[in-house]
Amino acid sequence: MDLTKDRAKLKELYMPGTKDFDLVDVPELPFAMIDGHGPPEHDTAARLTKCLFTAIQPIRRQARARMGKAFVEAPLEMLYWAQDMRDLATGNKEMWSWRAMITLPVWTDQTIFSNAVAEAHRQLGVVPDTLRMEHFEEGRCVQIMHAGLARDIPSLLERLYTRFLPENNLVPAGAYHEIYLDDWSRTAPERRKMVLRQPVRPKT
């Protein structure tokens, strides 16, 4: 799906409401992605995320040239999971695994991506083996927009997992997903917006 030509779907996926959880079908989209383990705020995560952003810069330049003023930079997205999913709820970040990813234009193919990674390799000296391009489809999801401090997220997630999902006969069916809509280096913590998303399936 080309979200640049379907603005309604783009808004549905990245601009949910802030009061109630929304159900949404997330289509297959191309992503640049890279994997890590442990606390996502540590230096290792920052280094891997920098590598991800560096790798997609040539593709962003092409997209900007094609789209002109209509070009909008895709946000950073993170998937989080753990062997024991209770480690997510309790904040035991040493046990977390995560995937940083950024959606790519639909015209990106493996040749374009490989050339971009080669340029990143020349700039950085080394790129992790987990840096790759993949098509990823989440399917049916529940999501909500969170605007404000990160410390308020656990109460939203508690409402999601202990009330909304059971009341709607749904259970989690994939990694917990956060989408960061602001540049955190330029946005005050109380003004930051992020989409909180959880893939789901009917409870059987």
Foldseek 3Di string as FASTA:
>chain_A
DACLVVVVLVCVVFPAAAPDKDKDFFFWFKKWKFKDAFACVDPVNVVQVVLSVQLCVVQLVVVCVVPPPSDDFFFKKKFKAFPPRVCVLVVVRNRIMMMIITTGGPPDDQVNSVVSNVVSCVVPVDHDPRGDMDIDGLTIKIKHKDAAAPVPVSVVVCCVAVPVQVVVQKDFDGTWMKTWPDDPVPDDRGGTMIMTMTRIDGHD
